[in-house]
Amino acid sequence: MSATLKTLRALADPTRLRIVALLEEGELSVAELQEITKLAQSRISTHLGLLSETAIVIARREGKRTYYRLQPDRTSEEGRLVTLAVRGAAELPEHERDELNRRRVVALREEQAQVYFNQVAGRFDRSYGPGRSWQAFGHLLLRILPPLVVADLGSGEGLLAELLARSCKQVIAVDNSEKMVEFGARKARKNGVTNLEFRLGDLSHPPIEDRAVDLVILSQALHHAEDPQKALEEAHRILKPGGRVMILDLLRHTFGQAHELYGDRWLGFEEADLHRWLEAAGFQAIELSVVAREEQPPHFETLLATAARAA
C-alpha cells in the first residue's frame, strides 16, 4: 500500500481527525488527550498507534510521560492531506468542545501552583496532628480575605456567607427559598453579624444593583438554576469592573436520583459548557479544574471555575 493510501486510511476515522486537529495546535500527552476528548485511554492509545505507524504523529518522552505532536517534516502530498483533515475536523460536532477543553488543559499544565496544591492536598490526611484540620485551615484563609463586597448566590441558609462576613466588607446572600432567607437572617442577627444581608431572589434575577460587588460566589448552586447561562450573565452584570466570579459545582455525572433526592435540575456540568457560558457572558481569564472527588459512590467530582470581568 502506498504512503498516500496509508495516510488517507489513517485519516478516515472521525476520532483520529479530532486527535490530529488537537495536535495541530501543539503537543499533548495521552492523559491530556483523554481529559480533552473524554475518551478511554486505551482507545486514544490505539488511534495514536495507527497515526504513528503512518508517521502522521511523532512522540517524545519527558520523564514518565510521552507527548505526541504532528510530524513537522511531511512531504507536500502528506501535508495537503493533513491540512484537509484539520479543516474537516472543524466540521465535527465535537470540535468546539475539544478546542475549549484543549485550552483549559494546556493552561492547567502551565499552572504549576495547581500541581503543587494537589501534591499538598494529597499529603494532608496522611498523618495525624493535633488541631490540624481543613476546618482550621479554612478559618485561617478566610482571615486573609481583603474587605470585599461579596454576593453569595444560591446561599441556602448562609453558612458560607456567614463565614465570609467575618472578613469581608459586606456579604449579600441571595436564595429563592423564603424559609432559608428567614432562617439565615435570624441566625445572623443572633450571632451579631451586621454586615450580612439576606435577600429573596432567583439566580436568574438576583436583586442586586449593576456593578455593585467585587466577588460573586456560586457554591453548589448553579445546578439548581433553570438557566445556568442566564445566571452567569447576571453574575457578570452585578460585578464591578475587575471583579471575579467563583463557581463550585459538580462535574457532569450520571446519578439520576439527584433530581429527586436533592432537587437538582442539572446533573453537573461539562467543563467545556461552563467555559463557553462564561465566555458568552463576557468573562475573561477563565480557569477550570476538578478540585475534589468523593471516595464513596457515586463518586461526585467538584469543579472550581474562576473568571474575571474586564477592568
C-alpha atoms as a PDB file:
ATOM      1  CA  MET A   1       0.000   0.000   0.000  1.00  0.00           C
ATOM      2  CA  SER A   2       1.394   3.435  -0.950  1.00  0.00           C
ATOM      3  CA  ALA A   3       2.186   6.102   1.642  1.00  0.00           C
ATOM      4  CA  THR A   4      -0.671   8.248   0.321  1.00  0.00           C
ATOM      5  CA  LEU A   5      -3.234   5.467   0.720  1.00  0.00           C
ATOM      6  CA  LYS A   6      -1.942   4.691   4.215  1.00  0.00           C
ATOM      7  CA  THR A   7      -2.295   8.344   5.157  1.00  0.00           C
ATOM      8  CA  LEU A   8      -5.826   8.511   3.732  1.00  0.00           C
ATOM      9  CA  ARG A   9      -6.780   5.372   5.636  1.00  0.00           C
ATOM     10  CA  ALA A  10      -5.354   6.735   8.886  1.00  0.00           C
ATOM     11  CA  LEU A  11      -7.270   9.988   8.492  1.00  0.00           C
ATOM     12  CA  ALA A  12     -10.567   8.323   7.570  1.00  0.00           C
ATOM     13  CA  ASP A  13     -11.706   7.915  11.202  1.00  0.00           C
ATOM     14  CA  PRO A  14     -13.546  10.817  12.976  1.00  0.00           C
ATOM     15  CA  THR A  15     -11.731  10.183  16.278  1.00  0.00           C
ATOM     16  CA  ARG A  16      -8.337  10.315  14.585  1.00  0.00           C
ATOM     17  CA  LEU A  17      -9.417  13.525  12.864  1.00  0.00           C
ATOM     18  CA  ARG A  18     -10.161  15.002  16.300  1.00  0.00           C
ATOM     19  CA  ILE A  19      -6.728  13.971  17.576  1.00  0.00           C
ATOM     20  CA  VAL A  20      -4.928  15.377  14.529  1.00  0.00           C
ATOM     21  CA  ALA A  21      -6.768  18.693  14.864  1.00  0.00           C
ATOM     22  CA  LEU A  22      -5.804  18.912  18.550  1.00  0.00           C
ATOM     23  CA  LEU A  23      -2.146  18.101  17.861  1.00  0.00           C
ATOM     24  CA  GLU A  24      -2.089  20.742  15.129  1.00  0.00           C
ATOM     25  CA  GLU A  25      -2.222  23.293  17.968  1.00  0.00           C
ATOM     26  CA  GLY A  26       0.692  21.739  19.885  1.00  0.00           C
ATOM     27  CA  GLU A  27       1.885  18.571  21.577  1.00  0.00           C
ATOM     28  CA  LEU A  28      -0.253  16.732  24.111  1.00  0.00           C
ATOM     29  CA  SER A  29       0.102  13.631  26.281  1.00  0.00           C
ATOM     30  CA  VAL A  30      -2.297  10.677  26.259  1.00  0.00           C
ATOM     31  CA  ALA A  31      -3.694  11.795  29.624  1.00  0.00           C
ATOM     32  CA  GLU A  32      -4.290  15.291  28.273  1.00  0.00           C
ATOM     33  CA  LEU A  33      -5.997  13.942  25.157  1.00  0.00           C
ATOM     34  CA  GLN A  34      -8.158  11.796  27.412  1.00  0.00           C
ATOM     35  CA  GLU A  35      -9.122  14.831  29.515  1.00  0.00           C
ATOM     36  CA  ILE A  36      -9.935  16.847  26.396  1.00  0.00           C
ATOM     37  CA  THR A  37     -11.901  14.248  24.439  1.00  0.00           C
ATOM     38  CA  LYS A  38     -13.375  12.270  27.379  1.00  0.00           C
ATOM     39  CA  LEU A  39     -12.448   9.057  25.556  1.00  0.00           C
ATOM     40  CA  ALA A  40     -10.925   5.987  27.197  1.00  0.00           C
ATOM     41  CA  GLN A  41      -7.131   5.945  27.429  1.00  0.00           C
ATOM     42  CA  SER A  42      -6.907   2.606  25.609  1.00  0.00           C
ATOM     43  CA  ARG A  43      -8.923   3.984  22.702  1.00  0.00           C
ATOM     44  CA  ILE A  44      -6.732   7.074  22.407  1.00  0.00           C
ATOM     45  CA  SER A  45      -3.568   4.964  22.555  1.00  0.00           C
ATOM     46  CA  THR A  46      -4.854   2.723  19.772  1.00  0.00           C
ATOM     47  CA  HIS A  47      -5.567   5.676  17.491  1.00  0.00           C
ATOM     48  CA  LEU A  48      -2.207   7.274  18.294  1.00  0.00           C
ATOM     49  CA  GLY A  49      -0.544   3.979  17.398  1.00  0.00           C
ATOM     50  CA  LEU A  50      -2.168   3.986  13.960  1.00  0.00           C
ATOM     51  CA  LEU A  51      -1.243   7.631  13.396  1.00  0.00           C
ATOM     52  CA  SER A  52       2.342   6.887  14.470  1.00  0.00           C
ATOM     53  CA  GLU A  53       2.627   3.938  12.071  1.00  0.00           C
ATOM     54  CA  THR A  54       1.935   6.269   9.167  1.00  0.00           C
ATOM     55  CA  ALA A  55       4.290   8.916  10.625  1.00  0.00           C
ATOM     56  CA  ILE A  56       1.497  11.481  10.873  1.00  0.00           C
ATOM     57  CA  VAL A  57       2.402  11.954  14.536  1.00  0.00           C
ATOM     58  CA  ILE A  58       5.676  11.529  16.415  1.00  0.00           C
ATOM     59  CA  ALA A  59       6.348  11.087  20.119  1.00  0.00           C
ATOM     60  CA  ARG A  60       8.873  12.271  22.677  1.00  0.00           C
ATOM     61  CA  ARG A  61       9.350  11.226  26.282  1.00  0.00           C
ATOM     62  CA  GLU A  62       9.641  13.609  29.203  1.00  0.00           C
ATOM     63  CA  GLY A  63      10.090  11.768  32.484  1.00  0.00           C
ATOM     64  CA  LYS A  64       7.238   9.276  32.803  1.00  0.00           C
ATOM     65  CA  ARG A  65       5.077  10.998  30.194  1.00  0.00           C
ATOM     66  CA  THR A  66       5.026  10.683  26.425  1.00  0.00           C
ATOM     67  CA  TYR A  67       3.982  13.713  24.394  1.00  0.00           C
ATOM     68  CA  TYR A  68       2.660  13.498  20.837  1.00  0.00           C
ATOM     69  CA  ARG A  69       2.754  16.077  18.055  1.00  0.00           C
ATOM     70  CA  LEU A  70       2.246  16.180  14.309  1.00  0.00           C
ATOM     71  CA  GLN A  71       5.205  15.208  12.143  1.00  0.00           C
ATOM     72  CA  PRO A  72       6.754  18.529  11.076  1.00  0.00           C
ATOM     73  CA  ASP A  73       8.716  17.018   8.162  1.00  0.00           C
ATOM     74  CA  ARG A  74       5.951  15.957   5.793  1.00  0.00           C
ATOM     75  CA  THR A  75       6.001  15.624   2.045  1.00  0.00           C
ATOM     76  CA  SER A  76       3.908  18.134   0.142  1.00  0.00           C
ATOM     77  CA  GLU A  77       1.272  15.470  -0.557  1.00  0.00           C
ATOM     78  CA  GLU A  78       1.056  14.346   3.098  1.00  0.00           C
ATOM     79  CA  GLY A  79       0.968  17.979   4.178  1.00  0.00           C
ATOM     80  CA  ARG A  80      -2.017  18.691   1.954  1.00  0.00           C
ATOM     81  CA  LEU A  81      -3.853  15.654   3.303  1.00  0.00           C
ATOM     82  CA  VAL A  82      -3.238  16.637   6.945  1.00  0.00           C
ATOM     83  CA  THR A  83      -4.336  20.215   6.193  1.00  0.00           C
ATOM     84  CA  LEU A  84      -7.561  18.877   4.686  1.00  0.00           C
ATOM     85  CA  ALA A  85      -8.037  16.599   7.697  1.00  0.00           C
ATOM     86  CA  VAL A  86      -7.709  19.511  10.126  1.00  0.00           C
ATOM     87  CA  ARG A  87     -10.173  21.511   8.046  1.00  0.00           C
ATOM     88  CA  GLY A  88     -12.591  18.586   8.050  1.00  0.00           C
ATOM     89  CA  ALA A  89     -12.239  18.111  11.813  1.00  0.00           C
ATOM     90  CA  ALA A  90     -13.590  21.643  12.305  1.00  0.00           C
ATOM     91  CA  GLU A  91     -16.908  20.383  10.926  1.00  0.00           C
ATOM     92  CA  LEU A  92     -17.225  17.597  13.528  1.00  0.00           C
ATOM     93  CA  PRO A  93     -19.809  18.208  16.300  1.00  0.00           C
ATOM     94  CA  GLU A  94     -17.130  17.662  18.980  1.00  0.00           C
ATOM     95  CA  HIS A  95     -14.717  20.253  17.576  1.00  0.00           C
ATOM     96  CA  GLU A  96     -15.822  23.315  19.564  1.00  0.00           C
ATOM     97  CA  ARG A  97     -15.833  21.391  22.836  1.00  0.00           C
ATOM     98  CA  ASP A  98     -12.447  19.829  22.071  1.00  0.00           C
ATOM     99  CA  GLU A  99     -10.931  23.248  21.464  1.00  0.00           C
ATOM    100  CA  LEU A 100     -12.317  24.699  24.706  1.00  0.00           C
ATOM    101  CA  ASN A 101     -11.051  21.694  26.654  1.00  0.00           C
ATOM    102  CA  ARG A 102      -7.644  21.871  24.944  1.00  0.00           C
ATOM    103  CA  ARG A 103      -7.158  25.478  26.014  1.00  0.00           C
ATOM    104  CA  ARG A 104      -8.164  24.616  29.563  1.00  0.00           C
ATOM    105  CA  VAL A 105      -5.880  21.574  29.777  1.00  0.00           C
ATOM    106  CA  VAL A 106      -2.860  23.438  28.403  1.00  0.00           C
ATOM    107  CA  ALA A 107      -3.469  26.289  30.857  1.00  0.00           C
ATOM    108  CA  LEU A 108      -3.575  23.807  33.744  1.00  0.00           C
ATOM    109  CA  ARG A 109      -0.327  22.203  32.594  1.00  0.00           C
ATOM    110  CA  GLU A 110       1.329  25.603  32.719  1.00  0.00           C
ATOM    111  CA  GLU A 111      -0.117  26.463  36.102  1.00  0.00           C
ATOM    112  CA  GLN A 112       2.438  24.942  38.456  1.00  0.00           C
ATOM    113  CA  ALA A 113       0.655  26.307  41.517  1.00  0.00           C
ATOM    114  CA  GLN A 114      -2.236  23.937  40.813  1.00  0.00           C
ATOM    115  CA  VAL A 115       0.142  20.967  40.608  1.00  0.00           C
ATOM    116  CA  TYR A 116       1.747  21.952  43.889  1.00  0.00           C
ATOM    117  CA  PHE A 117      -1.620  22.347  45.620  1.00  0.00           C
ATOM    118  CA  ASN A 118      -2.667  18.859  44.501  1.00  0.00           C
ATOM    119  CA  GLN A 119       0.547  17.457  45.966  1.00  0.00           C
ATOM    120  CA  VAL A 120      -0.025  19.255  49.266  1.00  0.00           C
ATOM    121  CA  ALA A 121      -3.666  18.186  49.416  1.00  0.00           C
ATOM    122  CA  GLY A 122      -2.667  14.583  48.805  1.00  0.00           C
ATOM    123  CA  ARG A 123      -0.314  14.653  51.803  1.00  0.00           C
ATOM    124  CA  PHE A 124      -2.668  16.454  54.162  1.00  0.00           C
ATOM    125  CA  ASP A 125      -4.517  13.494  55.667  1.00  0.00           C
ATOM    126  CA  ARG A 126      -1.638  11.002  55.757  1.00  0.00           C
ATOM    127  CA  SER A 127      -0.564  11.741  59.277  1.00  0.00           C
ATOM    128  CA  TYR A 128      -2.465  12.993  62.295  1.00  0.00           C
ATOM    129  CA  GLY A 129      -1.522  16.235  64.012  1.00  0.00           C
ATOM    130  CA  PRO A 130      -3.455  17.763  66.917  1.00  0.00           C
ATOM    131  CA  GLY A 131      -5.596  20.675  65.701  1.00  0.00           C
ATOM    132  CA  ARG A 132      -4.580  20.105  62.103  1.00  0.00           C
ATOM    133  CA  SER A 133      -7.773  20.142  60.018  1.00  0.00           C
ATOM    134  CA  TRP A 134      -9.326  21.581  56.869  1.00  0.00           C
ATOM    135  CA  GLN A 135     -11.817  23.387  59.129  1.00  0.00           C
ATOM    136  CA  ALA A 136      -8.997  25.209  60.899  1.00  0.00           C
ATOM    137  CA  PHE A 137      -7.213  25.983  57.634  1.00  0.00           C
ATOM    138  CA  GLY A 138     -10.472  27.340  56.222  1.00  0.00           C
ATOM    139  CA  HIS A 139     -10.869  29.809  59.081  1.00  0.00           C
ATOM    140  CA  LEU A 140      -7.246  30.892  58.709  1.00  0.00           C
ATOM    141  CA  LEU A 141      -7.602  31.506  54.968  1.00  0.00           C
ATOM    142  CA  LEU A 142     -10.842  33.445  55.454  1.00  0.00           C
ATOM    143  CA  ARG A 143      -8.992  35.923  57.649  1.00  0.00           C
ATOM    144  CA  ILE A 144      -6.702  36.718  54.730  1.00  0.00           C
ATOM    145  CA  LEU A 145      -9.541  37.996  52.540  1.00  0.00           C
ATOM    146  CA  PRO A 146      -9.461  41.716  51.725  1.00  0.00           C
ATOM    147  CA  PRO A 147     -12.510  43.870  52.616  1.00  0.00           C
ATOM    148  CA  LEU A 148     -14.608  42.888  49.598  1.00  0.00           C
ATOM    149  CA  VAL A 149     -18.305  43.236  48.825  1.00  0.00           C
ATOM    150  CA  VAL A 150     -19.425  39.681  48.074  1.00  0.00           C
ATOM    151  CA  ALA A 151     -22.603  38.218  46.591  1.00  0.00           C
ATOM    152  CA  ASP A 152     -23.298  34.618  47.616  1.00  0.00           C
ATOM    153  CA  LEU A 153     -25.885  33.500  45.058  1.00  0.00           C
ATOM    154  CA  GLY A 154     -27.910  30.424  45.961  1.00  0.00           C
ATOM    155  CA  SER A 155     -26.702  30.803  49.529  1.00  0.00           C
ATOM    156  CA  GLY A 156     -29.138  28.459  51.257  1.00  0.00           C
ATOM    157  CA  GLU A 157     -29.140  29.102  54.992  1.00  0.00           C
ATOM    158  CA  GLY A 158     -25.950  31.142  54.625  1.00  0.00           C
ATOM    159  CA  LEU A 159     -23.205  29.055  56.221  1.00  0.00           C
ATOM    160  CA  LEU A 160     -20.583  30.217  53.716  1.00  0.00           C
ATOM    161  CA  ALA A 161     -21.960  33.776  53.714  1.00  0.00           C
ATOM    162  CA  GLU A 162     -21.648  33.997  57.493  1.00  0.00           C
ATOM    163  CA  LEU A 163     -18.043  32.777  57.374  1.00  0.00           C
ATOM    164  CA  LEU A 164     -17.192  35.272  54.634  1.00  0.00           C
ATOM    165  CA  ALA A 165     -18.786  38.106  56.616  1.00  0.00           C
ATOM    166  CA  ARG A 166     -16.108  37.695  59.277  1.00  0.00           C
ATOM    167  CA  SER A 167     -13.581  39.240  56.891  1.00  0.00           C
ATOM    168  CA  CYS A 168     -15.484  40.933  54.067  1.00  0.00           C
ATOM    169  CA  LYS A 169     -16.821  44.468  53.994  1.00  0.00           C
ATOM    170  CA  GLN A 170     -20.328  43.275  53.105  1.00  0.00           C
ATOM    171  CA  VAL A 171     -21.936  39.992  52.074  1.00  0.00           C
ATOM    172  CA  ILE A 172     -25.236  39.793  50.200  1.00  0.00           C
ATOM    173  CA  ALA A 173     -26.761  36.322  50.406  1.00  0.00           C
ATOM    174  CA  VAL A 174     -29.440  35.548  47.807  1.00  0.00           C
ATOM    175  CA  ASP A 175     -31.707  32.500  47.842  1.00  0.00           C
ATOM    176  CA  ASN A 176     -35.099  31.683  46.315  1.00  0.00           C
ATOM    177  CA  SER A 177     -36.403  29.947  49.446  1.00  0.00           C
ATOM    178  CA  GLU A 178     -38.245  32.300  51.768  1.00  0.00           C
ATOM    179  CA  LYS A 179     -37.694  29.935  54.690  1.00  0.00           C
ATOM    180  CA  MET A 180     -33.943  29.770  54.029  1.00  0.00           C
ATOM    181  CA  VAL A 181     -33.708  33.548  53.844  1.00  0.00           C
ATOM    182  CA  GLU A 182     -35.662  33.980  57.073  1.00  0.00           C
ATOM    183  CA  PHE A 183     -33.577  31.345  58.848  1.00  0.00           C
ATOM    184  CA  GLY A 184     -30.278  32.801  57.651  1.00  0.00           C
ATOM    185  CA  ALA A 185     -31.215  36.362  58.565  1.00  0.00           C
ATOM    186  CA  ARG A 186     -32.394  35.277  62.018  1.00  0.00           C
ATOM    187  CA  LYS A 187     -29.177  33.334  62.622  1.00  0.00           C
ATOM    188  CA  ALA A 188     -27.018  36.279  61.507  1.00  0.00           C
ATOM    189  CA  ARG A 189     -28.847  38.616  63.910  1.00  0.00           C
ATOM    190  CA  LYS A 190     -28.472  36.101  66.717  1.00  0.00           C
ATOM    191  CA  ASN A 191     -24.727  35.863  66.087  1.00  0.00           C
ATOM    192  CA  GLY A 192     -24.335  39.622  65.823  1.00  0.00           C
ATOM    193  CA  VAL A 193     -23.236  39.594  62.171  1.00  0.00           C
ATOM    194  CA  THR A 194     -24.191  43.069  60.966  1.00  0.00           C
ATOM    195  CA  ASN A 195     -22.522  43.108  57.534  1.00  0.00           C
ATOM    196  CA  LEU A 196     -24.518  40.159  56.165  1.00  0.00           C
ATOM    197  CA  GLU A 197     -27.780  40.838  54.336  1.00  0.00           C
ATOM    198  CA  PHE A 198     -30.159  38.163  53.100  1.00  0.00           C
ATOM    199  CA  ARG A 199     -32.318  38.848  50.047  1.00  0.00           C
ATOM    200  CA  LEU A 200     -35.050  36.731  48.477  1.00  0.00           C
ATOM    201  CA  GLY A 201     -34.399  36.210  44.779  1.00  0.00           C
ATOM    202  CA  ASP A 202     -33.575  33.883  41.912  1.00  0.00           C
ATOM    203  CA  LEU A 203     -30.200  33.171  40.307  1.00  0.00           C
ATOM    204  CA  SER A 204     -31.555  34.429  37.002  1.00  0.00           C
ATOM    205  CA  HIS A 205     -32.655  37.753  38.552  1.00  0.00           C
ATOM    206  CA  PRO A 206     -30.663  38.426  41.744  1.00  0.00           C
ATOM    207  CA  PRO A 207     -31.940  41.582  43.500  1.00  0.00           C
ATOM    208  CA  ILE A 208     -28.574  43.350  43.351  1.00  0.00           C
ATOM    209  CA  GLU A 209     -27.701  46.553  41.530  1.00  0.00           C
ATOM    210  CA  ASP A 210     -25.426  46.667  38.478  1.00  0.00           C
ATOM    211  CA  ARG A 211     -21.667  46.761  39.198  1.00  0.00           C
ATOM    212  CA  ALA A 212     -22.241  46.525  42.938  1.00  0.00           C
ATOM    213  CA  VAL A 213     -19.981  43.691  44.152  1.00  0.00           C
ATOM    214  CA  ASP A 214     -16.323  42.661  43.963  1.00  0.00           C
ATOM    215  CA  LEU A 215     -16.887  38.925  44.050  1.00  0.00           C
ATOM    216  CA  VAL A 216     -19.740  36.599  43.096  1.00  0.00           C
ATOM    217  CA  ILE A 217     -19.798  33.094  44.557  1.00  0.00           C
ATOM    218  CA  LEU A 218     -21.974  30.266  43.246  1.00  0.00           C
ATOM    219  CA  SER A 219     -21.261  27.349  45.570  1.00  0.00           C
ATOM    220  CA  GLN A 220     -23.134  24.175  44.524  1.00  0.00           C
ATOM    221  CA  ALA A 221     -25.929  26.452  43.314  1.00  0.00           C
ATOM    222  CA  LEU A 222     -25.675  26.537  39.533  1.00  0.00           C
ATOM    223  CA  HIS A 223     -27.033  23.019  39.056  1.00  0.00           C
ATOM    224  CA  HIS A 224     -30.277  24.270  40.640  1.00  0.00           C
ATOM    225  CA  ALA A 225     -30.631  27.108  38.118  1.00  0.00           C
ATOM    226  CA  GLU A 226     -33.300  26.908  35.441  1.00  0.00           C
ATOM    227  CA  ASP A 227     -30.960  28.669  33.012  1.00  0.00           C
ATOM    228  CA  PRO A 228     -27.266  28.448  34.059  1.00  0.00           C
ATOM    229  CA  GLN A 229     -26.069  30.715  31.258  1.00  0.00           C
ATOM    230  CA  LYS A 230     -28.534  33.433  32.305  1.00  0.00           C
ATOM    231  CA  ALA A 231     -27.309  33.081  35.901  1.00  0.00           C
ATOM    232  CA  LEU A 232     -23.725  33.684  34.747  1.00  0.00           C
ATOM    233  CA  GLU A 233     -24.813  36.699  32.703  1.00  0.00           C
ATOM    234  CA  GLU A 234     -26.425  38.120  35.838  1.00  0.00           C
ATOM    235  CA  ALA A 235     -23.270  37.434  37.822  1.00  0.00           C
ATOM    236  CA  HIS A 236     -21.367  39.485  35.241  1.00  0.00           C
ATOM    237  CA  ARG A 237     -23.951  42.278  35.486  1.00  0.00           C
ATOM    238  CA  ILE A 238     -23.627  42.759  39.235  1.00  0.00           C
ATOM    239  CA  LEU A 239     -19.815  42.626  39.277  1.00  0.00           C
ATOM    240  CA  LYS A 240     -17.714  45.751  39.391  1.00  0.00           C
ATOM    241  CA  PRO A 241     -15.127  46.119  36.597  1.00  0.00           C
ATOM    242  CA  GLY A 242     -12.233  43.841  37.504  1.00  0.00           C
ATOM    243  CA  GLY A 243     -14.453  41.762  39.794  1.00  0.00           C
ATOM    244  CA  ARG A 244     -14.396  37.980  39.821  1.00  0.00           C
ATOM    245  CA  VAL A 245     -16.811  35.074  39.863  1.00  0.00           C
ATOM    246  CA  MET A 246     -16.028  31.783  41.627  1.00  0.00           C
ATOM    247  CA  ILE A 247     -18.091  28.678  40.959  1.00  0.00           C
ATOM    248  CA  LEU A 248     -18.025  25.403  42.846  1.00  0.00           C
ATOM    249  CA  ASP A 249     -20.258  22.813  41.241  1.00  0.00           C
ATOM    250  CA  LEU A 250     -20.455  19.188  40.207  1.00  0.00           C
ATOM    251  CA  LEU A 251     -18.718  17.754  37.197  1.00  0.00           C
ATOM    252  CA  ARG A 252     -21.186  16.107  34.830  1.00  0.00           C
ATOM    253  CA  HIS A 253     -22.371  12.772  36.322  1.00  0.00           C
ATOM    254  CA  THR A 254     -24.978  10.077  35.677  1.00  0.00           C
ATOM    255  CA  PHE A 255     -26.564   9.794  39.141  1.00  0.00           C
ATOM    256  CA  GLY A 256     -30.130  10.473  38.002  1.00  0.00           C
ATOM    257  CA  GLN A 257     -31.545  10.153  41.516  1.00  0.00           C
ATOM    258  CA  ALA A 258     -30.060  13.575  42.274  1.00  0.00           C
ATOM    259  CA  HIS A 259     -33.163  15.087  40.682  1.00  0.00           C
ATOM    260  CA  GLU A 260     -35.413  13.588  43.356  1.00  0.00           C
ATOM    261  CA  LEU A 261     -33.024  13.382  46.305  1.00  0.00           C
ATOM    262  CA  TYR A 262     -31.514  16.871  46.101  1.00  0.00           C
ATOM    263  CA  GLY A 263     -33.814  18.778  43.758  1.00  0.00           C
ATOM    264  CA  ASP A 264     -31.026  19.191  41.184  1.00  0.00           C
ATOM    265  CA  ARG A 265     -32.109  20.483  37.774  1.00  0.00           C
ATOM    266  CA  TRP A 266     -28.779  19.587  36.161  1.00  0.00           C
ATOM    267  CA  LEU A 267     -26.597  16.508  36.645  1.00  0.00           C
ATOM    268  CA  GLY A 268     -23.471  18.626  36.924  1.00  0.00           C
ATOM    269  CA  PHE A 269     -21.696  20.297  34.025  1.00  0.00           C
ATOM    270  CA  GLU A 270     -19.030  19.611  31.439  1.00  0.00           C
ATOM    271  CA  GLU A 271     -16.012  21.906  31.692  1.00  0.00           C
ATOM    272  CA  ALA A 272     -16.484  22.971  28.078  1.00  0.00           C
ATOM    273  CA  ASP A 273     -20.087  24.055  28.704  1.00  0.00           C
ATOM    274  CA  LEU A 274     -19.115  26.187  31.703  1.00  0.00           C
ATOM    275  CA  HIS A 275     -16.226  27.698  29.755  1.00  0.00           C
ATOM    276  CA  ARG A 276     -18.491  28.556  26.816  1.00  0.00           C
ATOM    277  CA  TRP A 277     -21.198  30.094  29.030  1.00  0.00           C
ATOM    278  CA  LEU A 278     -18.642  32.200  30.908  1.00  0.00           C
ATOM    279  CA  GLU A 279     -17.164  33.461  27.644  1.00  0.00           C
ATOM    280  CA  ALA A 280     -20.618  34.258  26.269  1.00  0.00           C
ATOM    281  CA  ALA A 281     -21.434  36.205  29.449  1.00  0.00           C
ATOM    282  CA  GLY A 282     -18.390  38.403  28.850  1.00  0.00           C
ATOM    283  CA  PHE A 283     -15.913  36.939  31.332  1.00  0.00           C
ATOM    284  CA  GLN A 284     -12.158  36.791  30.805  1.00  0.00           C
ATOM    285  CA  ALA A 285      -9.241  34.885  32.382  1.00  0.00           C
ATOM    286  CA  ILE A 286     -11.382  31.750  32.699  1.00  0.00           C
ATOM    287  CA  GLU A 287      -9.881  28.839  34.613  1.00  0.00           C
ATOM    288  CA  LEU A 288     -11.499  25.483  35.397  1.00  0.00           C
ATOM    289  CA  SER A 289     -10.232  22.444  37.258  1.00  0.00           C
ATOM    290  CA  VAL A 290     -11.521  19.420  39.158  1.00  0.00           C
ATOM    291  CA  VAL A 291     -10.595  20.029  42.808  1.00  0.00           C
ATOM    292  CA  ALA A 292     -12.216  17.122  44.655  1.00  0.00           C
ATOM    293  CA  ARG A 293     -13.574  13.606  44.141  1.00  0.00           C
ATOM    294  CA  GLU A 294     -15.713  11.763  46.663  1.00  0.00           C
ATOM    295  CA  GLU A 295     -14.422   8.331  47.651  1.00  0.00           C
ATOM    296  CA  GLN A 296     -17.884   6.818  48.040  1.00  0.00           C
ATOM    297  CA  PRO A 297     -20.232   6.028  45.099  1.00  0.00           C
ATOM    298  CA  PRO A 298     -21.443   7.753  43.001  1.00  0.00           C
ATOM    299  CA  HIS A 299     -18.043   9.486  43.270  1.00  0.00           C
ATOM    300  CA  PHE A 300     -19.206  13.051  42.699  1.00  0.00           C
ATOM    301  CA  GLU A 301     -16.427  15.300  41.407  1.00  0.00           C
ATOM    302  CA  THR A 302     -16.278  19.015  42.172  1.00  0.00           C
ATOM    303  CA  LEU A 303     -15.347  21.640  39.610  1.00  0.00           C
ATOM    304  CA  LEU A 304     -13.866  25.012  40.518  1.00  0.00           C
ATOM    305  CA  ALA A 305     -14.295  27.721  37.889  1.00  0.00           C
ATOM    306  CA  THR A 306     -12.997  31.259  38.200  1.00  0.00           C
ATOM    307  CA  ALA A 307     -13.254  34.177  35.806  1.00  0.00           C
ATOM    308  CA  ALA A 308     -12.999  37.961  35.766  1.00  0.00           C
ATOM    309  CA  ARG A 309     -14.986  40.868  34.412  1.00  0.00           C
ATOM    310  CA  ALA A 310     -12.844  43.208  32.353  1.00  0.00           C
ATOM    311  CA  ALA A 311     -11.440  46.131  34.326  1.00  0.00           C
END
